[in-house]
PDB file of N, CA and C in Angstrom:
ATOM      1  N   UNK A   1     -79.309 -27.718  -9.905  1.00  0.00           N
ATOM      2  CA  UNK A   1     -78.029 -28.198  -9.476  1.00  0.00           C
ATOM      3  C   UNK A   1     -78.070 -29.711  -9.277  1.00  0.00           C
ATOM      4  N   UNK A   2     -79.122 -30.207  -8.671  1.00  0.00           N
ATOM      5  CA  UNK A   2     -79.249 -31.646  -8.447  1.00  0.00           C
ATOM      6  C   UNK A   2     -79.368 -32.372  -9.775  1.00  0.00           C
ATOM      7  N   UNK A   3     -80.106 -31.811 -10.714  1.00  0.00           N
ATOM      8  CA  UNK A   3     -80.267 -32.440 -12.023  1.00  0.00           C
ATOM      9  C   UNK A   3     -78.921 -32.560 -12.727  1.00  0.00           C
ATOM     10  N   UNK A   4     -78.084 -31.543 -12.591  1.00  0.00           N
ATOM     11  CA  UNK A   4     -76.767 -31.578 -13.220  1.00  0.00           C
ATOM     12  C   UNK A   4     -75.935 -32.702 -12.623  1.00  0.00           C
ATOM     13  N   UNK A   5     -76.002 -32.871 -11.307  1.00  0.00           N
ATOM     14  CA  UNK A   5     -75.216 -33.932 -10.656  1.00  0.00           C
ATOM     15  C   UNK A   5     -75.707 -35.317 -11.055  1.00  0.00           C
ATOM     16  N   UNK A   6     -77.003 -35.476 -11.189  1.00  0.00           N
ATOM     17  CA  UNK A   6     -77.528 -36.811 -11.455  1.00  0.00           C
ATOM     18  C   UNK A   6     -77.563 -37.159 -12.939  1.00  0.00           C
ATOM     19  N   UNK A   7     -77.825 -36.181 -13.816  1.00  0.00           N
ATOM     20  CA  UNK A   7     -77.982 -36.485 -15.243  1.00  0.00           C
ATOM     21  C   UNK A   7     -76.941 -35.839 -16.145  1.00  0.00           C
ATOM     22  N   UNK A   8     -76.104 -35.012 -15.627  1.00  0.00           N
ATOM     23  CA  UNK A   8     -75.084 -34.377 -16.453  1.00  0.00           C
ATOM     24  C   UNK A   8     -75.474 -32.973 -16.870  1.00  0.00           C
ATOM     25  N   UNK A   9     -74.457 -32.232 -17.295  1.00  0.00           N
ATOM     26  CA  UNK A   9     -74.649 -30.827 -17.639  1.00  0.00           C
ATOM     27  C   UNK A   9     -75.551 -30.649 -18.846  1.00  0.00           C
ATOM     28  N   UNK A  10     -75.446 -31.522 -19.851  1.00  0.00           N
ATOM     29  CA  UNK A  10     -76.257 -31.375 -21.063  1.00  0.00           C
ATOM     30  C   UNK A  10     -77.746 -31.478 -20.745  1.00  0.00           C
ATOM     31  N   UNK A  11     -78.121 -32.419 -19.924  1.00  0.00           N
ATOM     32  CA  UNK A  11     -79.534 -32.581 -19.570  1.00  0.00           C
ATOM     33  C   UNK A  11     -80.024 -31.404 -18.742  1.00  0.00           C
ATOM     34  N   UNK A  12     -79.214 -30.971 -17.788  1.00  0.00           N
ATOM     35  CA  UNK A  12     -79.612 -29.841 -16.949  1.00  0.00           C
ATOM     36  C   UNK A  12     -79.774 -28.576 -17.779  1.00  0.00           C
ATOM     37  N   UNK A  13     -78.867 -28.352 -18.708  1.00  0.00           N
ATOM     38  CA  UNK A  13     -78.957 -27.165 -19.557  1.00  0.00           C
ATOM     39  C   UNK A  13     -80.189 -27.244 -20.453  1.00  0.00           C
ATOM     40  N   UNK A  14     -80.458 -28.422 -21.011  1.00  0.00           N
ATOM     41  CA  UNK A  14     -81.630 -28.579 -21.880  1.00  0.00           C
ATOM     42  C   UNK A  14     -82.914 -28.316 -21.104  1.00  0.00           C
ATOM     43  N   UNK A  15     -82.990 -28.779 -19.875  1.00  0.00           N
ATOM     44  CA  UNK A  15     -84.181 -28.547 -19.056  1.00  0.00           C
ATOM     45  C   UNK A  15     -84.333 -27.075 -18.713  1.00  0.00           C
ATOM     46  N   UNK A  16     -83.200 -26.362 -18.572  1.00  0.00           N
ATOM     47  CA  UNK A  16     -83.255 -24.939 -18.243  1.00  0.00           C
ATOM     48  C   UNK A  16     -83.502 -24.078 -19.478  1.00  0.00           C
ATOM     49  N   UNK A  17     -83.329 -24.642 -20.675  1.00  0.00           N
ATOM     50  CA  UNK A  17     -83.647 -23.909 -21.893  1.00  0.00           C
ATOM     51  C   UNK A  17     -82.463 -23.256 -22.575  1.00  0.00           C
ATOM     52  N   UNK A  18     -81.238 -23.713 -22.315  1.00  0.00           N
ATOM     53  CA  UNK A  18     -80.081 -23.189 -23.035  1.00  0.00           C
ATOM     54  C   UNK A  18     -79.097 -24.306 -23.323  1.00  0.00           C
ATOM     55  N   UNK A  19     -78.060 -24.015 -24.114  1.00  0.00           N
ATOM     56  CA  UNK A  19     -77.133 -25.055 -24.552  1.00  0.00           C
ATOM     57  C   UNK A  19     -76.199 -25.489 -23.430  1.00  0.00           C
ATOM     58  N   UNK A  20     -75.581 -26.655 -23.618  1.00  0.00           N
ATOM     59  CA  UNK A  20     -74.675 -27.160 -22.590  1.00  0.00           C
ATOM     60  C   UNK A  20     -73.420 -26.300 -22.489  1.00  0.00           C
ATOM     61  N   UNK A  21     -72.983 -25.689 -23.606  1.00  0.00           N
ATOM     62  CA  UNK A  21     -71.812 -24.807 -23.523  1.00  0.00           C
ATOM     63  C   UNK A  21     -72.137 -23.539 -22.735  1.00  0.00           C
ATOM     64  N   UNK A  22     -73.348 -23.036 -22.874  1.00  0.00           N
ATOM     65  CA  UNK A  22     -73.767 -21.892 -22.062  1.00  0.00           C
ATOM     66  C   UNK A  22     -73.830 -22.289 -20.593  1.00  0.00           C
ATOM     67  N   UNK A  23     -74.317 -23.474 -20.329  1.00  0.00           N
ATOM     68  CA  UNK A  23     -74.353 -23.976 -18.961  1.00  0.00           C
ATOM     69  C   UNK A  23     -72.959 -24.070 -18.366  1.00  0.00           C
ATOM     70  N   UNK A  24     -72.008 -24.516 -19.165  1.00  0.00           N
ATOM     71  CA  UNK A  24     -70.628 -24.585 -18.693  1.00  0.00           C
ATOM     72  C   UNK A  24     -70.056 -23.214 -18.404  1.00  0.00           C
ATOM     73  N   UNK A  25     -70.390 -22.247 -19.240  1.00  0.00           N
ATOM     74  CA  UNK A  25     -69.924 -20.876 -19.008  1.00  0.00           C
ATOM     75  C   UNK A  25     -70.509 -20.287 -17.742  1.00  0.00           C
ATOM     76  N   UNK A  26     -71.782 -20.548 -17.511  1.00  0.00           N
ATOM     77  CA  UNK A  26     -72.435 -20.051 -16.298  1.00  0.00           C
ATOM     78  C   UNK A  26     -71.848 -20.741 -15.071  1.00  0.00           C
ATOM     79  N   UNK A  27     -71.576 -22.019 -15.212  1.00  0.00           N
ATOM     80  CA  UNK A  27     -71.007 -22.762 -14.106  1.00  0.00           C
ATOM     81  C   UNK A  27     -69.595 -22.260 -13.768  1.00  0.00           C
ATOM     82  N   UNK A  28     -68.825 -21.902 -14.786  1.00  0.00           N
ATOM     83  CA  UNK A  28     -67.457 -21.430 -14.567  1.00  0.00           C
ATOM     84  C   UNK A  28     -67.434 -20.046 -13.929  1.00  0.00           C
ATOM     85  N   UNK A  29     -68.336 -19.163 -14.346  1.00  0.00           N
ATOM     86  CA  UNK A  29     -68.374 -17.803 -13.810  1.00  0.00           C
ATOM     87  C   UNK A  29     -69.825 -17.353 -13.774  1.00  0.00           C
ATOM     88  N   UNK A  30     -70.416 -17.315 -12.596  1.00  0.00           N
ATOM     89  CA  UNK A  30     -71.853 -17.068 -12.489  1.00  0.00           C
ATOM     90  C   UNK A  30     -72.240 -15.596 -12.464  1.00  0.00           C
ATOM     91  N   UNK A  31     -71.264 -14.679 -12.623  1.00  0.00           N
ATOM     92  CA  UNK A  31     -71.611 -13.252 -12.652  1.00  0.00           C
ATOM     93  C   UNK A  31     -72.380 -12.927 -13.926  1.00  0.00           C
ATOM     94  N   UNK A  32     -73.241 -11.906 -13.895  1.00  0.00           N
ATOM     95  CA  UNK A  32     -73.956 -11.507 -15.115  1.00  0.00           C
ATOM     96  C   UNK A  32     -72.977 -11.057 -16.204  1.00  0.00           C
ATOM     97  N   UNK A  33     -73.392 -11.175 -17.448  1.00  0.00           N
ATOM     98  CA  UNK A  33     -72.520 -10.889 -18.582  1.00  0.00           C
ATOM     99  C   UNK A  33     -71.870  -9.496 -18.535  1.00  0.00           C
ATOM    100  N   UNK A  34     -72.609  -8.411 -18.257  1.00  0.00           N
ATOM    101  CA  UNK A  34     -71.953  -7.095 -18.252  1.00  0.00           C
ATOM    102  C   UNK A  34     -70.818  -6.990 -17.230  1.00  0.00           C
ATOM    103  N   UNK A  35     -70.904  -7.741 -16.150  1.00  0.00           N
ATOM    104  CA  UNK A  35     -69.828  -7.701 -15.160  1.00  0.00           C
ATOM    105  C   UNK A  35     -68.623  -8.522 -15.610  1.00  0.00           C
ATOM    106  N   UNK A  36     -68.843  -9.547 -16.421  1.00  0.00           N
ATOM    107  CA  UNK A  36     -67.756 -10.385 -16.908  1.00  0.00           C
ATOM    108  C   UNK A  36     -67.019  -9.746 -18.072  1.00  0.00           C
ATOM    109  N   UNK A  37     -67.740  -9.029 -18.905  1.00  0.00           N
ATOM    110  CA  UNK A  37     -67.165  -8.501 -20.134  1.00  0.00           C
ATOM    111  C   UNK A  37     -66.124  -7.426 -19.836  1.00  0.00           C
ATOM    112  N   UNK A  38     -65.010  -7.499 -20.532  1.00  0.00           N
ATOM    113  CA  UNK A  38     -63.990  -6.468 -20.398  1.00  0.00           C
ATOM    114  C   UNK A  38     -64.182  -5.469 -21.534  1.00  0.00           C
ATOM    115  N   UNK A  39     -64.057  -4.182 -21.262  1.00  0.00           N
ATOM    116  CA  UNK A  39     -64.247  -3.199 -22.332  1.00  0.00           C
ATOM    117  C   UNK A  39     -63.192  -3.372 -23.427  1.00  0.00           C
ATOM    118  N   UNK A  40     -63.641  -3.271 -24.647  1.00  0.00           N
ATOM    119  CA  UNK A  40     -62.745  -3.449 -25.780  1.00  0.00           C
ATOM    120  C   UNK A  40     -62.175  -2.098 -26.199  1.00  0.00           C
ATOM    121  N   UNK A  41     -60.905  -2.060 -26.466  1.00  0.00           N
ATOM    122  CA  UNK A  41     -60.252  -0.830 -26.890  1.00  0.00           C
ATOM    123  C   UNK A  41     -60.428  -0.598 -28.381  1.00  0.00           C
ATOM    124  N   UNK A  42     -59.842   0.463 -28.875  1.00  0.00           N
ATOM    125  CA  UNK A  42     -59.918   0.745 -30.307  1.00  0.00           C
ATOM    126  C   UNK A  42     -59.161  -0.309 -31.092  1.00  0.00           C
ATOM    127  N   UNK A  43     -59.700  -0.712 -32.222  1.00  0.00           N
ATOM    128  CA  UNK A  43     -59.064  -1.727 -33.054  1.00  0.00           C
ATOM    129  C   UNK A  43     -58.122  -1.119 -34.082  1.00  0.00           C
ATOM    130  N   UNK A  44     -58.347   0.152 -34.401  1.00  0.00           N
ATOM    131  CA  UNK A  44     -57.464   0.821 -35.363  1.00  0.00           C
ATOM    132  C   UNK A  44     -57.289   2.266 -34.942  1.00  0.00           C
ATOM    133  N   UNK A  45     -56.326   2.907 -35.519  1.00  0.00           N
ATOM    134  CA  UNK A  45     -56.056   4.298 -35.182  1.00  0.00           C
ATOM    135  C   UNK A  45     -57.182   5.202 -35.664  1.00  0.00           C
ATOM    136  N   UNK A  46     -57.391   6.286 -34.960  1.00  0.00           N
ATOM    137  CA  UNK A  46     -58.421   7.247 -35.322  1.00  0.00           C
ATOM    138  C   UNK A  46     -57.954   8.031 -36.551  1.00  0.00           C
ATOM    139  N   UNK A  47     -58.667   7.939 -37.680  1.00  0.00           N
ATOM    140  CA  UNK A  47     -58.220   8.625 -38.892  1.00  0.00           C
ATOM    141  C   UNK A  47     -58.286  10.151 -38.789  1.00  0.00           C
ATOM    142  N   UNK A  48     -59.059  10.689 -37.848  1.00  0.00           N
ATOM    143  CA  UNK A  48     -59.175  12.141 -37.715  1.00  0.00           C
ATOM    144  C   UNK A  48     -58.319  12.706 -36.577  1.00  0.00           C
ATOM    145  N   UNK A  49     -57.528  11.871 -35.928  1.00  0.00           N
ATOM    146  CA  UNK A  49     -56.755  12.324 -34.766  1.00  0.00           C
ATOM    147  C   UNK A  49     -55.781  13.450 -35.131  1.00  0.00           C
ATOM    148  N   UNK A  50     -55.207  13.400 -36.320  1.00  0.00           N
ATOM    149  CA  UNK A  50     -54.208  14.405 -36.699  1.00  0.00           C
ATOM    150  C   UNK A  50     -54.820  15.765 -36.993  1.00  0.00           C
ATOM    151  N   UNK A  51     -56.081  15.806 -37.420  1.00  0.00           N
ATOM    152  CA  UNK A  51     -56.693  17.078 -37.796  1.00  0.00           C
ATOM    153  C   UNK A  51     -57.790  17.524 -36.833  1.00  0.00           C
ATOM    154  N   UNK A  52     -58.085  16.729 -35.813  1.00  0.00           N
ATOM    155  CA  UNK A  52     -59.211  17.042 -34.936  1.00  0.00           C
ATOM    156  C   UNK A  52     -59.034  18.383 -34.238  1.00  0.00           C
ATOM    157  N   UNK A  53     -57.978  18.522 -33.447  1.00  0.00           N
ATOM    158  CA  UNK A  53     -57.784  19.761 -32.682  1.00  0.00           C
ATOM    159  C   UNK A  53     -57.460  20.947 -33.565  1.00  0.00           C
ATOM    160  N   UNK A  54     -56.638  20.731 -34.565  1.00  0.00           N
ATOM    161  CA  UNK A  54     -56.181  21.864 -35.365  1.00  0.00           C
ATOM    162  C   UNK A  54     -57.233  22.388 -36.347  1.00  0.00           C
ATOM    163  N   UNK A  55     -58.049  21.514 -36.925  1.00  0.00           N
ATOM    164  CA  UNK A  55     -58.972  21.972 -37.970  1.00  0.00           C
ATOM    165  C   UNK A  55     -60.453  21.796 -37.618  1.00  0.00           C
ATOM    166  N   UNK A  56     -60.843  20.620 -37.200  1.00  0.00           N
ATOM    167  CA  UNK A  56     -62.268  20.340 -36.996  1.00  0.00           C
ATOM    168  C   UNK A  56     -62.831  21.154 -35.837  1.00  0.00           C
ATOM    169  N   UNK A  57     -62.118  21.178 -34.713  1.00  0.00           N
ATOM    170  CA  UNK A  57     -62.601  21.951 -33.567  1.00  0.00           C
ATOM    171  C   UNK A  57     -62.683  23.430 -33.928  1.00  0.00           C
ATOM    172  N   UNK A  58     -61.701  23.917 -34.662  1.00  0.00           N
ATOM    173  CA  UNK A  58     -61.715  25.323 -35.072  1.00  0.00           C
ATOM    174  C   UNK A  58     -62.920  25.629 -35.968  1.00  0.00           C
ATOM    175  N   UNK A  59     -63.219  24.727 -36.898  1.00  0.00           N
ATOM    176  CA  UNK A  59     -64.379  24.939 -37.776  1.00  0.00           C
ATOM    177  C   UNK A  59     -65.685  24.913 -36.970  1.00  0.00           C
ATOM    178  N   UNK A  60     -65.792  24.003 -36.004  1.00  0.00           N
ATOM    179  CA  UNK A  60     -67.011  23.911 -35.203  1.00  0.00           C
ATOM    180  C   UNK A  60     -67.173  25.111 -34.270  1.00  0.00           C
ATOM    181  N   UNK A  61     -66.078  25.671 -33.798  1.00  0.00           N
ATOM    182  CA  UNK A  61     -66.179  26.860 -32.966  1.00  0.00           C
ATOM    183  C   UNK A  61     -66.610  28.069 -33.792  1.00  0.00           C
ATOM    184  N   UNK A  62     -66.148  28.139 -35.028  1.00  0.00           N
ATOM    185  CA  UNK A  62     -66.523  29.250 -35.901  1.00  0.00           C
ATOM    186  C   UNK A  62     -67.983  29.139 -36.354  1.00  0.00           C
ATOM    187  N   UNK A  63     -68.437  27.921 -36.619  1.00  0.00           N
ATOM    188  CA  UNK A  63     -69.816  27.704 -37.071  1.00  0.00           C
ATOM    189  C   UNK A  63     -70.344  26.424 -36.422  1.00  0.00           C
ATOM    190  N   UNK A  64     -70.950  26.513 -35.243  1.00  0.00           N
ATOM    191  CA  UNK A  64     -71.394  25.327 -34.496  1.00  0.00           C
ATOM    192  C   UNK A  64     -72.441  24.470 -35.209  1.00  0.00           C
ATOM    193  N   UNK A  65     -73.147  25.008 -36.168  1.00  0.00           N
ATOM    194  CA  UNK A  65     -74.207  24.271 -36.844  1.00  0.00           C
ATOM    195  C   UNK A  65     -73.751  23.445 -38.027  1.00  0.00           C
ATOM    196  N   UNK A  66     -72.454  23.333 -38.263  1.00  0.00           N
ATOM    197  CA  UNK A  66     -71.973  22.564 -39.410  1.00  0.00           C
ATOM    198  C   UNK A  66     -72.328  21.092 -39.265  1.00  0.00           C
ATOM    199  N   UNK A  67     -72.735  20.500 -40.380  1.00  0.00           N
ATOM    200  CA  UNK A  67     -73.065  19.080 -40.395  1.00  0.00           C
ATOM    201  C   UNK A  67     -71.791  18.273 -40.646  1.00  0.00           C
ATOM    202  N   UNK A  68     -71.752  17.016 -40.208  1.00  0.00           N
ATOM    203  CA  UNK A  68     -70.564  16.176 -40.416  1.00  0.00           C
ATOM    204  C   UNK A  68     -70.155  16.039 -41.876  1.00  0.00           C
ATOM    205  N   UNK A  69     -71.141  15.980 -42.775  1.00  0.00           N
ATOM    206  CA  UNK A  69     -70.833  15.862 -44.200  1.00  0.00           C
ATOM    207  C   UNK A  69     -70.096  17.105 -44.688  1.00  0.00           C
ATOM    208  N   UNK A  70     -70.505  18.259 -44.197  1.00  0.00           N
ATOM    209  CA  UNK A  70     -69.849  19.509 -44.566  1.00  0.00           C
ATOM    210  C   UNK A  70     -68.411  19.524 -44.079  1.00  0.00           C
ATOM    211  N   UNK A  71     -68.195  19.064 -42.860  1.00  0.00           N
ATOM    212  CA  UNK A  71     -66.833  19.001 -42.321  1.00  0.00           C
ATOM    213  C   UNK A  71     -65.953  18.079 -43.163  1.00  0.00           C
ATOM    214  N   UNK A  72     -66.486  16.915 -43.518  1.00  0.00           N
ATOM    215  CA  UNK A  72     -65.726  15.965 -44.321  1.00  0.00           C
ATOM    216  C   UNK A  72     -65.413  16.535 -45.699  1.00  0.00           C
ATOM    217  N   UNK A  73     -66.388  17.182 -46.318  1.00  0.00           N
ATOM    218  CA  UNK A  73     -66.150  17.800 -47.624  1.00  0.00           C
ATOM    219  C   UNK A  73     -65.067  18.871 -47.533  1.00  0.00           C
ATOM    220  N   UNK A  74     -65.089  19.677 -46.480  1.00  0.00           N
ATOM    221  CA  UNK A  74     -64.092  20.719 -46.306  1.00  0.00           C
ATOM    222  C   UNK A  74     -62.701  20.122 -46.088  1.00  0.00           C
ATOM    223  N   UNK A  75     -62.622  19.047 -45.326  1.00  0.00           N
ATOM    224  CA  UNK A  75     -61.328  18.392 -45.124  1.00  0.00           C
ATOM    225  C   UNK A  75     -60.799  17.805 -46.425  1.00  0.00           C
ATOM    226  N   UNK A  76     -61.668  17.248 -47.238  1.00  0.00           N
ATOM    227  CA  UNK A  76     -61.241  16.722 -48.543  1.00  0.00           C
ATOM    228  C   UNK A  76     -60.777  17.840 -49.467  1.00  0.00           C
ATOM    229  N   UNK A  77     -61.491  18.979 -49.417  1.00  0.00           N
ATOM    230  CA  UNK A  77     -61.129  20.099 -50.266  1.00  0.00           C
ATOM    231  C   UNK A  77     -59.751  20.637 -49.894  1.00  0.00           C
ATOM    232  N   UNK A  78     -59.470  20.701 -48.602  1.00  0.00           N
ATOM    233  CA  UNK A  78     -58.163  21.218 -48.148  1.00  0.00           C
ATOM    234  C   UNK A  78     -57.067  20.239 -48.461  1.00  0.00           C
TER     235      UNK A  78
END
């Protein structure tokens, strides 16, 4: 902290072993990264949402050992 006051943020960050922009980010919000990060939502619609409950769940209940490739092939066939 004293080094930052006397020599500037760039020098203090260099002495600590990270960039001055990282130093500025830490200075602005000193909480650890996982506490700062906001969870990101889905970026696009789920392509299987329309058939999940009606077809995929039914197939898995009938045969629990089905592999994902088999499910996809069956959906393409239908």
